[in-house]
Amino acid sequence: MWSDRMTEKRRRRIVERLRSILPAPRSHARSSKTPLRLPGPRAEPPSPEQVALALRELPGFAWLDGAETGHRLCRQPLAVLTVRNGRASISGPGGSARFAAGGFDLLEAAYTAWGAAGSGATLVGYFGYELGREIEALPTPPADDLGLPDLHLALYDSTLRWDGRSWTVEATDAWPGPSPVIEAERILAAARRRAVPQLPSGGLARGGIVSRPRRSGFEAAVERIVERIASGEIFQMNLCRRLEARLPARHVWPLYLRLRAASPAERGAYLDLGRGRAVLSISPEVFLTVRNGEVETRPIKGTRPRGANLREDRALARELLESEKDRAELTMIVDVARNDLGRVCEAGSVQLASHAELMTLPTVHHTVSTVRGRLRTGTSPADLLRATFPPASITGAPKIRAMAVIAAEEERRRGPAMGALGWLSLGGDLDLAVAIRTASVARGRTAYHAGCGIVADSDPEQELAESTAKARAFLEALGSVETA
């Protein structure tokens, strides 16, 4: 159950393991935010793209790519935490360790072990969709052919931040190390000499793009889910198909540059996991933000493709806003999100701030709602994630039963896709996106999940068309077409 907690004895054991790899923060650690200035009266700061190019070959490179809303860039983490099938792996200055632990227990222990480092210390990474099995009893998930961790978090003691005008370094002095300000200024100076990366031409994938299930299989799955809805088993469910292709390692970075060009996102990400593995995301959907105890989630439902001209585009947007089906679908997911937040928020604080507003992206229109609440005193990030994970919009209603049907209908594990990715400050604030529009790279392949919300009157052909619209940026970025 989401409310289950590990015993204090077990927590202490995990904390001891973590501190054997990275010691506890020093006493009276301080966090800082330092504006960075370049030499010269008219020195132009480098762009986020230039800084990313300067850092991307360093171990543990992470770019939380906020387009016009801001960027976070990190490299060379102090420690890396992963979980796969209930086994945790930790690496850092004290070596490495492996032991039995779930992802949310490990997160809770990390805050206990290192939380005194404060807001200048940041965990960056993802929570894979299958971590939901730690919270509720669910069927065995589909086949896992990529072998990526269920959780991957890297701990950084400094972060470069771009607000659209200038650079700031956020840091903690909790552990010994070089001056973060001097290091950041050196990075910016080097980045200014870099040319802005150009988009590569030509196809990136080897061979074509394969759909799992195939298009006919996806339509058949929609029909089965509609029958489940008609019988009263569920009311709504998110169904994904996975598009996959072979991808040479040298094409991973170009793929991300093309993705962000095709559809700039407020919650994009490039996470280098090492050994040729990566997660690339252009997500537009906010899963959770926390600022000083105020929590917000912004579920998305309803999709229309962009029109070929202004008149057609406006007609499609109007059709979406006037669609009773799409509004009902979003309303059901909002109810799930409100219920999830209600588990950990002060009584009466969970409110629907806005409902079914239009969100327009380069390739699609969506409708989005905003739900806000005030966390109860003492609620940790691990508590919040246990109460709300996986995100409501990529599961269904009722949530747990919908997740069981997902496991039965989809041919491959979702992995990082449809989970959550972003950053968590050890001071308690966080910003996580729903990992939609997200590609995973491992074992020489890339995989991208395109999902649809299935309701009682869903039409299989229309749901397939919606899935294709959501995959458009990925297909354009690869320069390929579906072959099966």
Protein backbone atom coordinates (compact mmCIF):
# COMPACT_ATOMS: atom_id res chain seq x y z
CA MET A 1 0.00 0.00 0.00
CA TRP A 2 1.06 3.60 -0.62
CA SER A 3 0.91 4.29 3.12
CA ASP A 4 3.30 1.47 4.08
CA ARG A 5 6.63 2.56 5.55
CA MET A 6 9.87 0.74 6.21
CA THR A 7 10.80 0.17 9.84
CA GLU A 8 13.11 2.56 11.63
CA LYS A 9 15.68 -0.23 11.98
CA ARG A 10 15.72 -0.79 8.23
CA ARG A 11 15.92 2.93 7.55
CA ARG A 12 19.00 3.19 9.78
CA ARG A 13 20.67 0.30 7.94
CA ILE A 14 20.11 1.91 4.53
CA VAL A 15 21.28 5.30 5.83
CA GLU A 16 24.48 3.66 7.08
CA ARG A 17 25.08 2.12 3.65
CA LEU A 18 24.53 5.47 1.96
CA ARG A 19 26.88 7.30 4.31
CA SER A 20 29.56 4.68 3.75
CA ILE A 21 29.54 5.77 0.09
CA LEU A 22 29.06 9.52 0.69
CA PRO A 23 29.54 10.87 4.24
CA ALA A 24 26.91 12.90 6.04
CA PRO A 25 27.00 16.63 5.23
CA ARG A 26 29.24 18.70 7.44
CA SER A 27 27.66 20.56 10.33
CA HIS A 28 26.09 23.94 9.54
CA ALA A 29 26.25 23.37 5.78
CA ARG A 30 25.16 26.37 3.76
CA SER A 31 23.39 26.64 0.44
CA SER A 32 24.00 29.54 -1.92
CA LYS A 33 22.69 31.14 -5.11
CA THR A 34 25.38 33.18 -6.83
CA PRO A 35 24.78 35.26 -9.99
CA LEU A 36 27.58 34.70 -12.51
CA ARG A 37 29.20 37.58 -14.36
CA LEU A 38 31.48 37.34 -17.35
CA PRO A 39 34.52 39.58 -17.84
CA GLY A 40 34.03 42.60 -20.06
CA PRO A 41 31.36 45.32 -19.98
CA ARG A 42 29.29 43.85 -22.83
CA ALA A 43 30.07 40.17 -22.52
CA GLU A 44 27.12 38.14 -23.78
CA PRO A 45 26.38 35.03 -21.69
CA PRO A 46 26.54 31.70 -23.50
CA SER A 47 23.26 30.04 -24.42
CA PRO A 48 22.04 26.89 -22.64
CA GLU A 49 22.81 24.99 -25.85
CA GLN A 50 26.44 26.16 -25.75
CA VAL A 51 26.80 25.22 -22.08
CA ALA A 52 25.23 21.82 -22.73
CA LEU A 53 27.70 21.24 -25.54
CA ALA A 54 30.59 22.11 -23.19
CA LEU A 55 29.39 19.72 -20.48
CA ARG A 56 27.81 16.79 -22.28
CA GLU A 57 30.93 14.58 -22.40
CA LEU A 58 31.40 14.80 -18.60
CA PRO A 59 30.17 11.90 -16.41
CA GLY A 60 26.62 12.18 -15.18
CA PHE A 61 25.64 15.04 -17.50
CA ALA A 62 22.02 16.12 -17.03
CA TRP A 63 20.15 18.90 -18.81
CA LEU A 64 16.71 19.80 -17.49
CA ASP A 65 15.66 21.72 -20.54
CA GLY A 66 12.97 24.28 -19.83
CA ALA A 67 12.97 26.03 -23.21
CA GLU A 68 11.93 29.63 -22.47
CA THR A 69 11.11 28.95 -18.79
CA GLY A 70 14.62 28.14 -17.58
CA HIS A 71 17.29 25.44 -17.62
CA ARG A 72 19.27 23.39 -15.10
CA LEU A 73 22.56 21.79 -16.12
CA CYS A 74 24.57 19.42 -13.93
CA ARG A 75 27.61 17.18 -14.29
CA GLN A 76 29.93 14.95 -12.22
CA PRO A 77 27.53 13.90 -9.44
CA LEU A 78 28.71 13.14 -5.91
CA ALA A 79 26.69 9.92 -5.84
CA VAL A 80 24.44 7.91 -8.14
CA LEU A 81 21.49 5.88 -6.85
CA THR A 82 19.67 3.28 -8.93
CA VAL A 83 17.07 0.61 -8.26
CA ARG A 84 16.17 -2.29 -10.52
CA ASN A 85 13.77 -5.07 -9.54
CA GLY A 86 14.10 -4.28 -5.84
CA ARG A 87 17.92 -4.14 -5.79
CA ALA A 88 19.62 -0.82 -5.08
CA SER A 89 23.04 0.19 -6.40
CA ILE A 90 24.93 3.17 -4.97
CA SER A 91 28.23 4.62 -6.17
CA GLY A 92 30.24 7.58 -4.92
CA PRO A 93 33.58 8.63 -3.39
CA GLY A 94 33.47 5.75 -0.88
CA GLY A 95 33.11 3.09 -3.60
CA SER A 96 29.91 1.24 -4.41
CA ALA A 97 27.35 -0.97 -2.73
CA ARG A 98 24.43 -3.19 -3.67
CA PHE A 99 21.59 -4.23 -1.39
CA ALA A 100 17.87 -4.97 -1.37
CA ALA A 101 15.76 -1.79 -1.33
CA GLY A 102 12.81 -0.26 -3.13
CA GLY A 103 12.99 3.07 -4.89
CA PHE A 104 10.81 5.06 -2.50
CA ASP A 105 12.54 3.60 0.57
CA LEU A 106 15.90 4.54 -0.96
CA LEU A 107 14.67 8.08 -1.62
CA GLU A 108 13.46 8.41 1.97
CA ALA A 109 16.80 7.15 3.29
CA ALA A 110 18.70 9.58 1.04
CA TYR A 111 16.88 12.52 2.61
CA THR A 112 17.69 11.17 6.06
CA ALA A 113 21.35 10.57 5.18
CA TRP A 114 22.08 13.81 3.33
CA GLY A 115 19.14 16.17 3.88
CA ALA A 116 21.22 18.50 6.07
CA ALA A 117 23.00 19.59 2.86
CA GLY A 118 19.98 21.82 2.20
CA SER A 119 18.48 23.30 -0.93
CA GLY A 120 21.82 23.63 -2.76
CA ALA A 121 22.03 19.83 -3.09
CA THR A 122 19.83 18.36 -5.81
CA LEU A 123 18.78 14.90 -6.92
CA VAL A 124 18.21 14.74 -10.69
CA GLY A 125 16.86 11.78 -12.62
CA TYR A 126 13.73 9.70 -13.12
CA PHE A 127 11.25 7.39 -11.43
CA GLY A 128 10.29 4.64 -13.88
CA TYR A 129 6.64 3.69 -14.32
CA GLU A 130 7.11 0.17 -12.90
CA LEU A 131 8.00 1.59 -9.46
CA GLY A 132 4.23 1.64 -9.01
CA ARG A 133 4.51 -2.06 -8.17
CA GLU A 134 6.20 -1.04 -4.90
CA ILE A 135 3.04 0.80 -3.86
CA GLU A 136 0.28 -1.59 -4.91
CA ALA A 137 0.02 -5.31 -5.67
CA LEU A 138 -0.01 -5.52 -9.47
CA PRO A 139 0.40 -8.29 -12.05
CA THR A 140 3.82 -9.10 -13.46
CA PRO A 141 4.72 -6.30 -15.89
CA PRO A 142 5.33 -6.87 -19.60
CA ALA A 143 8.70 -7.96 -20.99
CA ASP A 144 11.77 -5.87 -20.16
CA ASP A 145 14.16 -5.81 -23.12
CA LEU A 146 16.05 -2.56 -22.43
CA GLY A 147 17.27 -3.36 -18.91
CA LEU A 148 17.14 0.21 -17.62
CA PRO A 149 16.85 0.95 -13.87
CA ASP A 150 13.42 1.48 -12.37
CA LEU A 151 14.92 4.51 -10.61
CA HIS A 152 17.96 6.60 -11.48
CA LEU A 153 18.91 9.62 -9.34
CA ALA A 154 22.20 11.51 -9.30
CA LEU A 155 23.12 13.80 -6.39
CA TYR A 156 24.81 17.09 -7.33
CA ASP A 157 26.33 19.68 -5.01
CA SER A 158 26.09 22.45 -7.63
CA THR A 159 23.77 23.29 -10.51
CA LEU A 160 24.01 25.85 -13.29
CA ARG A 161 20.70 27.69 -13.79
CA TRP A 162 19.59 29.85 -16.71
CA ASP A 163 16.51 32.07 -16.27
CA GLY A 164 16.37 33.38 -19.83
CA ARG A 165 18.65 36.33 -19.15
CA SER A 166 21.56 35.28 -16.93
CA TRP A 167 23.32 32.38 -15.23
CA THR A 168 23.30 31.48 -11.53
CA VAL A 169 25.09 28.70 -9.70
CA GLU A 170 23.13 27.00 -6.92
CA ALA A 171 25.39 25.05 -4.57
CA THR A 172 26.02 23.65 -1.11
CA ASP A 173 29.28 23.57 0.86
CA ALA A 174 28.18 20.38 2.63
CA TRP A 175 31.08 18.37 1.20
CA PRO A 176 34.68 19.39 0.38
CA GLY A 177 35.35 20.41 -3.20
CA PRO A 178 36.47 23.18 -5.52
CA SER A 179 34.73 26.54 -5.46
CA PRO A 180 31.45 26.12 -7.41
CA VAL A 181 31.55 29.76 -8.52
CA ILE A 182 35.07 29.51 -9.97
CA GLU A 183 34.17 26.23 -11.67
CA ALA A 184 30.96 27.71 -13.10
CA GLU A 185 32.74 30.79 -14.44
CA ARG A 186 35.32 28.55 -16.11
CA ILE A 187 32.55 26.52 -17.74
CA LEU A 188 30.75 29.61 -19.04
CA ALA A 189 33.97 31.05 -20.44
CA ALA A 190 34.65 27.79 -22.28
CA ALA A 191 31.05 27.56 -23.47
CA ARG A 192 31.18 31.03 -25.04
CA ARG A 193 33.84 29.75 -27.44
CA ARG A 194 31.56 26.94 -28.59
CA ALA A 195 29.54 27.27 -31.75
CA VAL A 196 25.80 26.85 -31.26
CA PRO A 197 25.13 23.22 -32.23
CA GLN A 198 23.56 22.75 -35.64
CA LEU A 199 20.87 20.22 -36.36
CA PRO A 200 22.26 17.22 -38.27
CA SER A 201 20.68 16.20 -41.54
CA GLY A 202 19.63 12.76 -42.73
CA GLY A 203 18.03 9.81 -40.99
CA LEU A 204 19.33 8.79 -37.57
CA ALA A 205 17.82 5.32 -37.12
CA ARG A 206 19.07 2.13 -38.70
CA GLY A 207 16.17 0.52 -40.48
CA GLY A 208 12.58 1.53 -39.88
CA ILE A 209 10.46 2.17 -36.81
CA VAL A 210 8.51 -0.76 -35.41
CA SER A 211 5.30 -0.41 -33.38
CA ARG A 212 4.64 -2.76 -30.43
CA PRO A 213 1.86 -3.74 -30.61
CA ARG A 214 1.43 -3.35 -34.33
CA ARG A 215 -1.15 -0.85 -35.45
CA SER A 216 -3.85 -3.52 -35.87
CA GLY A 217 -2.97 -4.95 -32.45
CA PHE A 218 -3.31 -1.51 -30.88
CA GLU A 219 -6.78 -1.05 -32.36
CA ALA A 220 -7.79 -4.50 -31.10
CA ALA A 221 -6.55 -3.56 -27.61
CA VAL A 222 -8.70 -0.41 -27.72
CA GLU A 223 -11.74 -2.56 -28.52
CA ARG A 224 -11.01 -4.86 -25.56
CA ILE A 225 -10.62 -1.91 -23.19
CA VAL A 226 -13.90 -0.38 -24.37
CA GLU A 227 -15.53 -3.73 -23.54
CA ARG A 228 -13.99 -3.63 -20.05
CA ILE A 229 -15.38 -0.14 -19.61
CA ALA A 230 -18.83 -1.25 -20.78
CA SER A 231 -18.78 -4.05 -18.19
CA GLY A 232 -17.97 -1.56 -15.41
CA GLU A 233 -14.48 -2.92 -14.68
CA ILE A 234 -12.85 0.48 -15.30
CA PHE A 235 -13.97 3.91 -16.47
CA GLN A 236 -10.90 5.19 -18.30
CA MET A 237 -7.40 3.91 -19.11
CA ASN A 238 -4.22 5.13 -20.73
CA LEU A 239 -3.00 2.70 -23.41
CA CYS A 240 0.46 3.00 -24.97
CA ARG A 241 2.14 1.54 -27.98
CA ARG A 242 5.92 1.58 -28.18
CA LEU A 243 7.76 2.81 -31.24
CA GLU A 244 11.30 1.49 -31.40
CA ALA A 245 14.29 1.66 -33.74
CA ARG A 246 17.97 0.80 -33.80
CA LEU A 247 20.03 3.87 -32.96
CA PRO A 248 23.84 4.18 -33.16
CA ALA A 249 25.43 5.72 -30.05
CA ARG A 250 26.74 8.70 -32.05
CA HIS A 251 23.15 9.62 -32.96
CA VAL A 252 21.77 9.90 -29.40
CA TRP A 253 22.76 13.55 -28.94
CA PRO A 254 21.58 14.56 -32.45
CA LEU A 255 18.26 12.84 -31.73
CA TYR A 256 17.74 15.02 -28.68
CA LEU A 257 18.63 18.20 -30.55
CA ARG A 258 16.08 17.30 -33.21
CA LEU A 259 13.41 16.40 -30.65
CA ARG A 260 13.66 19.73 -28.85
CA ALA A 261 13.65 21.56 -32.19
CA ALA A 262 10.50 19.70 -33.30
CA SER A 263 8.66 20.38 -30.03
CA PRO A 264 10.29 22.68 -27.44
CA ALA A 265 9.03 21.72 -23.99
CA GLU A 266 8.84 23.44 -20.61
CA ARG A 267 9.86 20.17 -18.94
CA GLY A 268 12.37 18.67 -21.38
CA ALA A 269 15.36 16.58 -20.28
CA TYR A 270 18.53 14.90 -21.48
CA LEU A 271 19.82 12.43 -18.88
CA ASP A 272 23.08 10.60 -19.60
CA LEU A 273 22.93 7.30 -17.69
CA GLY A 274 26.36 6.09 -18.84
CA ARG A 275 27.34 3.04 -20.90
CA GLY A 276 25.46 4.25 -23.97
CA ARG A 277 22.17 4.69 -22.10
CA ALA A 278 20.12 7.87 -21.95
CA VAL A 279 16.65 9.31 -21.41
CA LEU A 280 15.47 12.06 -23.77
CA SER A 281 12.24 13.91 -23.02
CA ILE A 282 10.22 16.77 -24.46
CA SER A 283 7.42 16.51 -21.93
CA PRO A 284 4.89 19.35 -21.68
CA GLU A 285 3.15 17.94 -18.58
CA VAL A 286 3.78 18.91 -14.95
CA PHE A 287 3.47 15.96 -12.58
CA LEU A 288 4.41 17.63 -9.28
CA THR A 289 5.92 20.90 -8.17
CA VAL A 290 6.52 21.78 -4.53
CA ARG A 291 7.50 25.25 -3.33
CA ASN A 292 7.53 25.91 0.42
CA GLY A 293 4.97 23.19 1.06
CA GLU A 294 2.58 24.23 -1.73
CA VAL A 295 2.06 21.38 -4.20
CA GLU A 296 0.67 21.54 -7.73
CA THR A 297 -0.11 18.99 -10.43
CA ARG A 298 -1.27 19.77 -14.00
CA PRO A 299 -2.78 16.70 -15.72
CA ILE A 300 -3.23 16.76 -19.50
CA LYS A 301 -5.96 14.96 -21.44
CA GLY A 302 -7.48 15.44 -24.87
CA THR A 303 -5.46 15.81 -28.06
CA ARG A 304 -5.89 17.20 -31.56
CA PRO A 305 -3.20 17.54 -34.25
CA ARG A 306 -2.18 21.00 -35.41
CA GLY A 307 -3.92 22.20 -38.56
CA ALA A 308 -2.32 22.69 -41.96
CA ASN A 309 -3.32 26.38 -41.88
CA LEU A 310 -4.54 28.92 -39.33
CA ARG A 311 -8.22 28.36 -40.04
CA GLU A 312 -7.95 24.58 -39.75
CA ASP A 313 -5.78 24.90 -36.64
CA ARG A 314 -8.33 27.09 -34.86
CA ALA A 315 -11.13 24.72 -35.84
CA LEU A 316 -9.25 21.76 -34.35
CA ALA A 317 -8.55 23.66 -31.13
CA ARG A 318 -12.23 24.66 -30.87
CA GLU A 319 -13.31 21.07 -31.53
CA LEU A 320 -11.12 19.90 -28.64
CA LEU A 321 -12.44 22.53 -26.24
CA GLU A 322 -16.04 21.68 -27.13
CA SER A 323 -15.58 17.89 -26.99
CA GLU A 324 -17.69 16.35 -24.19
CA LYS A 325 -15.67 13.12 -24.46
CA ASP A 326 -12.34 14.83 -23.91
CA ARG A 327 -13.66 17.02 -21.07
CA ALA A 328 -15.13 13.97 -19.34
CA GLU A 329 -11.83 12.13 -19.72
CA LEU A 330 -9.92 15.02 -18.17
CA THR A 331 -12.47 15.37 -15.37
CA MET A 332 -12.02 11.72 -14.36
CA ILE A 333 -8.24 12.13 -14.22
CA VAL A 334 -8.55 15.36 -12.22
CA ASP A 335 -10.61 13.42 -9.68
CA VAL A 336 -7.83 10.81 -9.41
CA ALA A 337 -5.22 13.55 -8.98
CA ARG A 338 -7.28 15.29 -6.29
CA ASN A 339 -7.71 12.01 -4.45
CA ASP A 340 -3.97 11.30 -4.61
CA LEU A 341 -3.03 14.75 -3.27
CA GLY A 342 -5.71 14.48 -0.60
CA ARG A 343 -3.75 11.64 0.98
CA VAL A 344 -0.93 13.97 2.03
CA CYS A 345 -2.41 17.50 1.97
CA GLU A 346 -4.11 19.48 4.72
CA ALA A 347 -7.85 18.86 4.90
CA GLY A 348 -9.75 21.20 2.58
CA SER A 349 -6.62 22.56 0.90
CA VAL A 350 -6.86 20.58 -2.36
CA GLN A 351 -8.51 22.81 -4.96
CA LEU A 352 -9.11 22.79 -8.70
CA ALA A 353 -7.42 26.03 -9.75
CA SER A 354 -8.29 25.76 -13.47
CA HIS A 355 -9.95 23.22 -15.72
CA ALA A 356 -9.73 22.20 -19.38
CA GLU A 357 -7.59 25.09 -20.57
CA LEU A 358 -6.09 24.94 -24.06
CA MET A 359 -2.39 24.08 -24.37
CA THR A 360 -0.94 24.47 -27.85
CA LEU A 361 2.33 22.79 -28.82
CA PRO A 362 4.12 22.68 -32.20
CA THR A 363 2.59 19.31 -33.13
CA VAL A 364 -0.63 19.01 -31.06
CA HIS A 365 -3.30 20.80 -29.01
CA HIS A 366 -4.15 19.55 -25.48
CA THR A 367 -6.43 20.51 -22.62
CA VAL A 368 -4.90 20.83 -19.15
CA SER A 369 -6.15 21.37 -15.61
CA THR A 370 -4.36 22.59 -12.46
CA VAL A 371 -4.86 21.09 -8.99
CA ARG A 372 -3.20 22.65 -5.92
CA GLY A 373 -2.90 21.79 -2.25
CA ARG A 374 -0.96 22.45 0.94
CA LEU A 375 1.18 19.54 2.17
CA ARG A 376 0.70 18.46 5.76
CA THR A 377 3.55 19.37 8.08
CA GLY A 378 6.23 16.70 8.03
CA THR A 379 5.31 15.32 4.60
CA SER A 380 8.51 14.33 2.81
CA PRO A 381 9.07 14.10 -0.95
CA ALA A 382 9.05 10.31 -0.57
CA ASP A 383 5.64 10.50 1.16
CA LEU A 384 4.27 12.68 -1.64
CA LEU A 385 5.54 10.35 -4.36
CA ARG A 386 4.17 7.26 -2.65
CA ALA A 387 0.76 8.94 -2.49
CA THR A 388 0.65 10.08 -6.13
CA PHE A 389 2.83 7.77 -8.23
CA PRO A 390 2.44 6.87 -11.07
CA PRO A 391 0.89 10.07 -12.46
CA ALA A 392 -2.88 9.98 -12.77
CA SER A 393 -2.98 10.99 -16.43
CA ILE A 394 -1.02 7.94 -17.64
CA THR A 395 -2.89 5.35 -15.57
CA GLY A 396 -6.68 5.67 -15.49
CA ALA A 397 -9.72 5.36 -13.24
CA PRO A 398 -9.96 3.54 -10.94
CA LYS A 399 -6.19 3.94 -10.85
CA ILE A 400 -5.03 0.59 -9.50
CA ARG A 401 -7.36 -1.52 -11.64
CA ALA A 402 -6.39 0.51 -14.71
CA MET A 403 -2.73 -0.23 -13.99
CA ALA A 404 -3.50 -3.95 -13.86
CA VAL A 405 -5.16 -3.74 -17.29
CA ILE A 406 -2.17 -1.80 -18.64
CA ALA A 407 0.11 -4.66 -17.56
CA ALA A 408 -2.14 -7.12 -19.41
CA GLU A 409 -2.50 -5.13 -22.64
CA GLU A 410 0.92 -3.61 -23.34
CA GLU A 411 3.69 -5.74 -24.86
CA ARG A 412 6.73 -4.05 -23.29
CA ARG A 413 7.55 -2.36 -19.99
CA ARG A 414 7.20 1.37 -20.02
CA GLY A 415 10.44 1.89 -18.08
CA PRO A 416 11.33 5.58 -17.67
CA ALA A 417 8.46 6.53 -20.01
CA MET A 418 5.16 7.39 -18.31
CA GLY A 419 6.94 7.73 -14.96
CA ALA A 420 8.37 11.02 -13.69
CA LEU A 421 11.59 12.93 -14.27
CA GLY A 422 13.16 16.15 -13.03
CA TRP A 423 14.79 17.42 -9.83
CA LEU A 424 14.30 17.19 -6.08
CA SER A 425 16.09 19.59 -3.74
CA LEU A 426 17.30 18.13 -0.45
CA GLY A 427 15.67 21.22 1.05
CA GLY A 428 12.24 19.78 0.13
CA ASP A 429 11.19 21.59 -3.06
CA LEU A 430 10.89 19.63 -6.30
CA ASP A 431 9.84 19.85 -9.93
CA LEU A 432 8.88 16.64 -11.75
CA ALA A 433 7.38 16.18 -15.20
CA VAL A 434 5.24 13.30 -16.39
CA ALA A 435 7.59 11.37 -18.67
CA ILE A 436 5.40 11.55 -21.77
CA ARG A 437 7.02 12.32 -25.15
CA THR A 438 10.02 10.46 -23.76
CA ALA A 439 12.55 8.23 -25.51
CA SER A 440 14.74 5.70 -23.73
CA VAL A 441 18.06 4.63 -25.24
CA ALA A 442 19.79 1.36 -24.31
CA ARG A 443 21.40 -1.65 -25.98
CA GLY A 444 21.71 0.16 -29.29
CA ARG A 445 18.00 0.94 -29.54
CA THR A 446 15.62 3.76 -28.77
CA ALA A 447 12.03 3.29 -27.60
CA TYR A 448 9.27 5.90 -27.42
CA HIS A 449 5.82 5.38 -25.89
CA ALA A 450 2.78 7.13 -27.36
CA GLY A 451 -0.34 6.79 -25.22
CA CYS A 452 -4.05 7.55 -25.47
CA GLY A 453 -6.82 7.81 -22.91
CA ILE A 454 -9.49 5.20 -23.67
CA VAL A 455 -13.09 5.87 -22.56
CA ALA A 456 -16.49 4.32 -23.22
CA ASP A 457 -16.99 5.86 -26.67
CA SER A 458 -13.40 5.59 -27.92
CA ASP A 459 -13.00 4.69 -31.59
CA PRO A 460 -9.97 2.46 -32.33
CA GLU A 461 -9.02 4.27 -35.54
CA GLN A 462 -9.26 7.69 -33.88
CA GLU A 463 -7.18 6.53 -30.90
CA LEU A 464 -4.51 5.24 -33.28
CA ALA A 465 -4.54 8.60 -35.05
CA GLU A 466 -4.09 10.37 -31.69
CA SER A 467 -1.16 8.09 -30.85
CA THR A 468 0.41 8.91 -34.21
CA ALA A 469 -0.03 12.64 -33.62
CA LYS A 470 1.73 12.35 -30.27
CA ALA A 471 4.60 10.45 -31.91
CA ARG A 472 5.03 12.97 -34.72
CA ALA A 473 7.96 14.82 -33.13
CA PHE A 474 9.79 11.53 -32.51
CA LEU A 475 9.26 10.36 -36.08
CA GLU A 476 10.42 13.71 -37.47
CA ALA A 477 13.49 13.70 -35.21
CA LEU A 478 14.54 10.22 -36.32
CA GLY A 479 13.86 11.04 -39.96
CA SER A 480 12.08 7.70 -40.38
CA VAL A 481 8.60 6.26 -40.77
CA GLU A 482 6.85 3.31 -39.19
CA THR A 483 7.49 0.06 -41.02
CA ALA A 484 5.27 -2.27 -39.01
